[in-house]
Amino acid sequence: MLLVPGRARAFALLVAIVAVPAAVAIAQQGPVGAMFESDKARHASREPSFQLVDLPATKADQSPLRVYLSAGDLERAFDRPEFRPAAAIVPTNTDLSITAPQPATQRVLVSRVQKQPEVMRDLEDQIAARQKQPAANAAGEPGVLRIGVDTFVAQLPRSAMTPANANFPKAACLIATEFAQGGAVDRRELYAQDRVRRGVAACLTALDAAGAQSIVLPQMGAASSETQTHDAMYEGQRTLMECRLINSTAGIALGIHDFAASRRNLREIGVVQWERELDLMFKVPPDSRAAGSAQAAYRAYAEQVREAFRRGLAGEKTTVGHVKGSCTAILDVQ
């Protein structure tokens, strides 16, 4: 179709006006949302593991809080500048020892901070000051921090701007999810949803008060890199891992719910399910006779994770009655 000059100008103006909302939407998307969309496009077969929930605006912030559940890798959030959040919540151990072998996810942050010696020294100074403070001294819970409950916020660094070439966020909140030498996986009472929600809410509150607008955190408190020694229900280890990850998602979502009403600055939160963990549990060769059943098992699991996520954001706990299968020893622990 040919346009006369006057109509051509009008058509161009109309196109420009229509394009503005799309451009604004792209500009307003933060790093967490950008990584969500990228990961969703990268792995179409993992689509069941993706969920976006908008929580209501608050008096202090009239925009909704966008909460993303995705399958990906925390390392991408740190290493890709376009995905890097203002802050992260990272698991640590009860001794607040960043050189300890457990939990393994702590290394994602520490290995990157170590590449900036001045920032690393400042982080070590902040940790040393916290370690000198009195511990909670809860019965049967040794260490500086209690699992799921106690947190530690670190600026990276405190006295200067984060180096331009640093591949980590400006702040991190650490939550204890393991003993320094491991073994907490058999203490399921330490991972109760009402404990984990306290730590997550405390981290979100502290990082929001510091001005963070975007935060990412992994599923944590599932001890998924370990095998339970005591298996009272005689379940397979994959089933136990599924139950622990569902429980982790539920506790995190409850913590987000508890924080949300008091939000002042935070615009987006990303909860990342480790994609390699999903592969470990469900991936089989595409030509395998078990491919169909593996995909069906994955979809059933992913739906239960999404349900726990939505339920937690609404302020409801996930119990054994909500989950298909036998998760009594994990979800209804006292």
Protein backbone atom coordinates (compact mmCIF):
# COMPACT_ATOMS: atom_id res chain seq x y z
CA MET A 1 0.00 0.00 0.00
CA LEU A 2 1.31 3.45 -0.95
CA LEU A 3 0.71 6.41 1.34
CA VAL A 4 0.46 10.01 0.22
CA PRO A 5 2.87 12.34 2.11
CA GLY A 6 0.28 13.66 4.57
CA ARG A 7 -1.05 10.24 5.37
CA ALA A 8 2.49 8.87 5.60
CA ARG A 9 3.32 11.40 8.32
CA ALA A 10 0.12 10.55 10.20
CA PHE A 11 0.83 6.83 9.88
CA ALA A 12 4.38 7.31 11.17
CA LEU A 13 3.06 9.30 14.13
CA LEU A 14 0.53 6.56 14.90
CA VAL A 15 3.25 3.90 14.79
CA ALA A 16 5.41 5.98 17.14
CA ILE A 17 2.55 6.42 19.62
CA VAL A 18 1.69 2.72 19.58
CA ALA A 19 5.35 1.80 20.07
CA VAL A 20 5.78 3.97 23.18
CA PRO A 21 4.07 1.60 25.67
CA ALA A 22 6.19 -1.33 24.47
CA ALA A 23 9.38 0.70 24.80
CA VAL A 24 8.37 1.87 28.27
CA ALA A 25 7.61 -1.71 29.31
CA ILE A 26 11.06 -2.85 28.15
CA ALA A 27 12.74 0.05 29.92
CA GLN A 28 10.87 -0.68 33.14
CA GLN A 29 11.78 -4.37 33.21
CA GLY A 30 14.43 -4.94 35.83
CA PRO A 31 17.31 -7.43 35.84
CA VAL A 32 15.30 -10.16 37.57
CA GLY A 33 12.51 -9.95 35.00
CA ALA A 34 15.05 -9.92 32.17
CA MET A 35 16.69 -13.11 33.42
CA PHE A 36 13.28 -14.74 33.91
CA GLU A 37 12.38 -14.12 30.27
CA SER A 38 15.81 -15.22 29.04
CA ASP A 39 15.79 -18.47 31.02
CA LYS A 40 12.24 -19.22 29.95
CA ALA A 41 13.25 -18.84 26.30
CA ARG A 42 16.43 -20.90 26.75
CA HIS A 43 14.64 -23.96 28.10
CA ALA A 44 11.18 -24.37 26.65
CA SER A 45 10.91 -27.83 28.23
CA ARG A 46 11.28 -26.23 31.68
CA GLU A 47 8.28 -23.93 31.18
CA PRO A 48 6.35 -25.64 34.05
CA SER A 49 8.97 -24.31 36.49
CA PHE A 50 8.22 -20.65 35.69
CA GLN A 51 5.67 -18.51 37.50
CA LEU A 52 5.14 -14.75 37.88
CA VAL A 53 3.00 -13.35 40.69
CA ASP A 54 2.32 -9.63 41.25
CA LEU A 55 1.78 -8.61 44.87
CA PRO A 56 -0.18 -5.43 45.68
CA ALA A 57 1.28 -1.94 45.86
CA THR A 58 1.96 -0.41 49.26
CA LYS A 59 1.53 3.10 50.66
CA ALA A 60 5.23 3.72 50.14
CA ASP A 61 5.41 2.23 46.63
CA GLN A 62 2.48 2.38 44.23
CA SER A 63 3.96 -0.20 41.85
CA PRO A 64 3.29 -3.92 42.35
CA LEU A 65 5.98 -6.23 43.68
CA ARG A 66 6.85 -8.69 40.92
CA VAL A 67 7.84 -12.10 42.29
CA TYR A 68 9.39 -14.54 39.82
CA LEU A 69 9.86 -18.28 40.21
CA SER A 70 12.19 -19.67 37.56
CA ALA A 71 14.57 -22.45 36.59
CA GLY A 72 18.10 -21.24 35.96
CA ASP A 73 21.40 -20.65 37.69
CA LEU A 74 22.36 -18.08 40.31
CA GLU A 75 25.70 -17.71 38.53
CA ARG A 76 23.98 -16.15 35.50
CA ALA A 77 22.40 -13.54 37.77
CA PHE A 78 25.86 -12.56 39.00
CA ASP A 79 27.91 -12.87 35.82
CA ARG A 80 25.61 -11.18 33.30
CA PRO A 81 25.40 -7.39 33.96
CA GLU A 82 21.92 -7.17 32.44
CA PHE A 83 20.67 -9.80 34.93
CA ARG A 84 22.60 -8.67 38.02
CA PRO A 85 20.30 -7.59 40.88
CA ALA A 86 21.01 -4.89 43.42
CA ALA A 87 21.20 -7.52 46.16
CA ALA A 88 21.07 -11.26 46.76
CA ILE A 89 20.06 -13.60 49.55
CA VAL A 90 22.64 -16.37 49.87
CA PRO A 91 22.80 -19.43 52.16
CA THR A 92 25.65 -19.73 54.65
CA ASN A 93 26.46 -21.94 57.64
CA THR A 94 25.85 -21.55 61.34
CA ASP A 95 29.47 -20.51 61.99
CA LEU A 96 29.28 -17.81 59.31
CA SER A 97 32.44 -19.31 57.87
CA ILE A 98 32.71 -18.37 54.21
CA THR A 99 35.58 -20.82 53.64
CA ALA A 100 33.66 -23.83 54.98
CA PRO A 101 32.59 -26.52 52.48
CA GLN A 102 28.91 -26.17 53.35
CA PRO A 103 26.59 -24.97 52.00
CA ALA A 104 27.90 -25.31 48.45
CA THR A 105 25.82 -22.40 47.08
CA GLN A 106 27.77 -19.98 49.28
CA ARG A 107 30.71 -20.47 46.90
CA VAL A 108 28.80 -18.77 44.09
CA LEU A 109 29.15 -15.47 45.96
CA VAL A 110 32.45 -15.98 47.77
CA SER A 111 34.43 -17.19 44.74
CA ARG A 112 33.51 -13.99 42.91
CA VAL A 113 34.18 -11.62 45.81
CA GLN A 114 37.63 -13.20 46.25
CA LYS A 115 38.60 -11.81 42.84
CA GLN A 116 38.31 -8.31 44.37
CA PRO A 117 40.84 -8.43 47.28
CA GLU A 118 39.77 -5.14 48.88
CA VAL A 119 36.11 -6.12 48.83
CA MET A 120 36.98 -9.55 50.23
CA ARG A 121 38.93 -8.03 53.11
CA ASP A 122 36.02 -5.73 53.88
CA LEU A 123 33.61 -8.68 53.83
CA GLU A 124 35.87 -10.63 56.19
CA ASP A 125 35.97 -7.63 58.55
CA GLN A 126 32.18 -7.40 58.56
CA ILE A 127 31.89 -11.11 59.30
CA ALA A 128 34.52 -10.97 62.06
CA ALA A 129 32.57 -8.19 63.78
CA ARG A 130 29.38 -10.27 63.62
CA GLN A 131 31.12 -13.38 64.94
CA LYS A 132 32.19 -11.45 68.04
CA GLN A 133 28.58 -10.72 68.94
CA PRO A 134 26.77 -13.05 71.37
CA ALA A 135 25.20 -16.10 69.75
CA ALA A 136 21.55 -17.02 70.23
CA ASN A 137 22.60 -20.08 72.29
CA ALA A 138 19.51 -22.06 71.35
CA ALA A 139 19.50 -25.62 72.69
CA GLY A 140 21.03 -28.03 70.19
CA GLU A 141 21.86 -25.25 67.73
CA PRO A 142 25.58 -24.45 67.89
CA GLY A 143 27.20 -21.56 66.09
CA VAL A 144 26.79 -17.85 65.48
CA LEU A 145 23.56 -18.12 63.49
CA ARG A 146 20.52 -20.35 63.91
CA ILE A 147 19.41 -22.23 60.80
CA GLY A 148 16.59 -20.51 58.95
CA VAL A 149 16.17 -17.77 61.54
CA ASP A 150 19.29 -15.64 61.89
CA THR A 151 20.70 -13.48 59.11
CA PHE A 152 23.72 -11.33 58.32
CA VAL A 153 23.74 -8.41 55.87
CA ALA A 154 26.98 -7.44 54.14
CA GLN A 155 27.72 -4.46 51.91
CA LEU A 156 30.09 -5.26 49.05
CA PRO A 157 31.90 -3.13 50.06
CA ARG A 158 30.90 -0.68 52.83
CA SER A 159 33.12 2.33 52.20
CA ALA A 160 33.28 2.62 48.41
CA MET A 161 31.45 1.89 45.21
CA THR A 162 31.31 -1.71 44.05
CA PRO A 163 34.12 -2.10 41.45
CA ALA A 164 32.88 -1.73 37.89
CA ASN A 165 34.25 -5.14 36.90
CA ALA A 166 32.78 -6.96 39.91
CA ASN A 167 30.42 -9.81 39.07
CA PHE A 168 28.37 -9.77 42.25
CA PRO A 169 25.62 -7.54 43.67
CA LYS A 170 26.18 -4.51 45.89
CA ALA A 171 24.76 -6.20 48.98
CA ALA A 172 24.11 -9.72 50.23
CA CYS A 173 22.07 -11.12 53.08
CA LEU A 174 23.26 -14.48 54.35
CA ILE A 175 20.91 -16.99 56.00
CA ALA A 176 22.23 -20.02 57.84
CA THR A 177 21.00 -23.21 56.18
CA GLU A 178 23.66 -25.73 57.23
CA PHE A 179 26.27 -26.59 59.84
CA ALA A 180 29.81 -25.66 58.78
CA GLN A 181 30.76 -29.33 58.38
CA GLY A 182 27.36 -30.45 57.08
CA GLY A 183 24.91 -32.88 58.61
CA ALA A 184 21.94 -30.60 59.26
CA VAL A 185 19.99 -32.41 56.54
CA ASP A 186 18.96 -34.94 59.20
CA ARG A 187 17.63 -32.20 61.49
CA ARG A 188 14.46 -31.50 59.53
CA GLU A 189 12.91 -29.55 62.40
CA LEU A 190 15.47 -26.83 61.68
CA TYR A 191 13.98 -26.32 58.21
CA ALA A 192 10.35 -25.86 59.23
CA GLN A 193 8.58 -23.30 57.05
CA ASP A 194 7.91 -21.03 60.03
CA ARG A 195 11.67 -20.79 60.65
CA VAL A 196 12.73 -20.20 57.05
CA ARG A 197 10.06 -17.54 56.55
CA ARG A 198 11.56 -15.55 59.45
CA GLY A 199 15.00 -15.46 57.90
CA VAL A 200 13.75 -14.58 54.42
CA ALA A 201 11.49 -11.81 55.73
CA ALA A 202 14.35 -10.40 57.81
CA CYS A 203 16.69 -10.34 54.80
CA LEU A 204 14.10 -8.70 52.55
CA THR A 205 13.34 -6.07 55.19
CA ALA A 206 17.02 -5.21 55.66
CA LEU A 207 17.84 -5.07 51.95
CA ASP A 208 14.70 -3.06 51.18
CA ALA A 209 15.65 -0.56 53.90
CA ALA A 210 19.08 -0.25 52.24
CA GLY A 211 17.35 0.79 49.01
CA ALA A 212 17.56 -2.40 46.94
CA GLN A 213 15.00 -2.55 44.13
CA SER A 214 15.87 -6.03 42.85
CA ILE A 215 16.78 -9.19 44.76
CA VAL A 216 17.49 -12.76 43.70
CA LEU A 217 17.77 -15.86 45.87
CA PRO A 218 18.11 -19.59 45.26
CA GLN A 219 15.95 -22.33 46.69
CA MET A 220 17.71 -22.97 49.99
CA GLY A 221 17.37 -25.02 53.12
CA ALA A 222 16.79 -28.13 51.01
CA ALA A 223 20.31 -29.53 51.48
CA SER A 224 19.83 -30.95 48.01
CA SER A 225 23.52 -31.70 47.56
CA GLU A 226 23.38 -34.20 50.44
CA THR A 227 21.77 -37.54 51.19
CA GLN A 228 19.72 -38.07 54.31
CA THR A 229 21.15 -40.68 56.67
CA HIS A 230 17.90 -41.29 58.51
CA ASP A 231 15.07 -42.15 56.15
CA ALA A 232 12.22 -43.02 58.47
CA MET A 233 9.65 -43.20 55.68
CA TYR A 234 11.80 -45.53 53.53
CA GLU A 235 11.36 -43.22 50.55
CA GLY A 236 13.72 -42.95 47.64
CA GLN A 237 16.22 -40.12 47.81
CA ARG A 238 14.70 -38.34 44.79
CA THR A 239 11.34 -38.23 46.55
CA LEU A 240 13.01 -36.82 49.65
CA MET A 241 14.76 -34.19 47.52
CA GLU A 242 11.46 -33.21 45.90
CA CYS A 243 9.85 -32.85 49.33
CA ARG A 244 12.73 -30.74 50.64
CA LEU A 245 12.62 -28.44 47.61
CA ILE A 246 8.84 -27.99 47.87
CA ASN A 247 9.29 -27.19 51.56
CA SER A 248 12.05 -24.69 50.72
CA THR A 249 9.87 -22.92 48.16
CA ALA A 250 6.99 -22.73 50.63
CA GLY A 251 9.13 -21.20 53.37
CA ILE A 252 10.66 -18.64 51.01
CA ALA A 253 7.26 -17.61 49.67
CA LEU A 254 5.89 -17.22 53.19
CA GLY A 255 8.81 -14.93 54.03
CA ILE A 256 8.07 -12.81 50.96
CA HIS A 257 4.42 -12.59 52.05
CA ASP A 258 5.38 -11.51 55.57
CA PHE A 259 7.60 -8.74 54.20
CA ALA A 260 5.49 -7.49 51.29
CA ALA A 261 3.08 -5.18 53.13
CA SER A 262 5.92 -3.07 54.56
CA ARG A 263 7.82 -2.74 51.27
CA ARG A 264 9.29 0.66 50.41
CA ASN A 265 11.81 0.25 47.59
CA LEU A 266 11.85 -3.32 46.33
CA ARG A 267 10.28 -3.86 42.89
CA GLU A 268 11.20 -7.45 41.97
CA ILE A 269 12.27 -10.69 43.64
CA GLY A 270 13.54 -13.75 41.81
CA VAL A 271 13.47 -17.25 43.33
CA VAL A 272 15.76 -19.45 41.24
CA GLN A 273 15.46 -23.23 41.03
CA TRP A 274 18.82 -24.66 40.02
CA GLU A 275 18.41 -26.09 36.53
CA ARG A 276 21.10 -28.73 37.03
CA GLU A 277 19.17 -30.00 40.04
CA LEU A 278 16.11 -30.50 37.87
CA ASP A 279 18.26 -32.35 35.35
CA LEU A 280 19.64 -34.56 38.11
CA MET A 281 16.15 -35.53 39.23
CA PHE A 282 14.33 -35.85 35.93
CA LYS A 283 16.56 -35.76 32.85
CA VAL A 284 16.97 -38.94 30.79
CA PRO A 285 18.25 -39.41 27.21
CA PRO A 286 15.59 -38.24 24.74
CA ASP A 287 15.47 -41.66 23.08
CA SER A 288 15.07 -43.45 26.41
CA ARG A 289 11.96 -45.54 26.98
CA ALA A 290 11.62 -43.68 30.28
CA ALA A 291 11.52 -40.22 28.66
CA GLY A 292 7.73 -39.96 28.77
CA SER A 293 7.40 -41.01 32.39
CA ALA A 294 10.31 -38.76 33.42
CA GLN A 295 8.65 -35.73 31.80
CA ALA A 296 5.33 -36.59 33.45
CA ALA A 297 7.05 -36.87 36.84
CA TYR A 298 8.76 -33.52 36.26
CA ARG A 299 5.53 -31.76 35.33
CA ALA A 300 3.78 -33.15 38.42
CA TYR A 301 6.64 -31.98 40.64
CA ALA A 302 6.80 -28.53 39.00
CA GLU A 303 3.08 -28.01 39.55
CA GLN A 304 3.46 -28.81 43.26
CA VAL A 305 6.33 -26.31 43.53
CA ARG A 306 4.22 -23.63 41.83
CA GLU A 307 1.30 -24.38 44.15
CA ALA A 308 3.56 -24.08 47.21
CA PHE A 309 4.89 -20.81 45.79
CA ARG A 310 1.43 -19.31 45.22
CA ARG A 311 0.13 -20.60 48.54
CA GLY A 312 3.06 -19.13 50.45
CA LEU A 313 2.70 -15.74 48.77
CA ALA A 314 -0.91 -15.78 49.99
CA GLY A 315 0.30 -16.46 53.54
CA GLU A 316 -0.66 -20.14 53.67
CA LYS A 317 1.69 -22.96 54.66
CA THR A 318 2.09 -26.06 52.52
CA THR A 319 1.33 -29.25 54.44
CA VAL A 320 1.40 -32.94 53.56
CA GLY A 321 -2.26 -32.75 52.60
CA HIS A 322 -1.39 -30.39 49.74
CA VAL A 323 1.26 -32.63 48.19
CA LYS A 324 0.88 -35.84 46.23
CA GLY A 325 3.20 -38.49 47.60
CA SER A 326 4.66 -39.04 51.05
CA CYS A 327 6.27 -35.87 52.42
CA THR A 328 5.13 -36.24 56.03
CA ALA A 329 8.66 -36.34 57.45
CA ILE A 330 9.51 -33.09 55.64
CA LEU A 331 6.41 -30.90 55.55
CA ASP A 332 4.75 -31.76 58.86
CA VAL A 333 7.88 -31.86 60.98
CA GLN A 334 7.46 -30.50 64.50
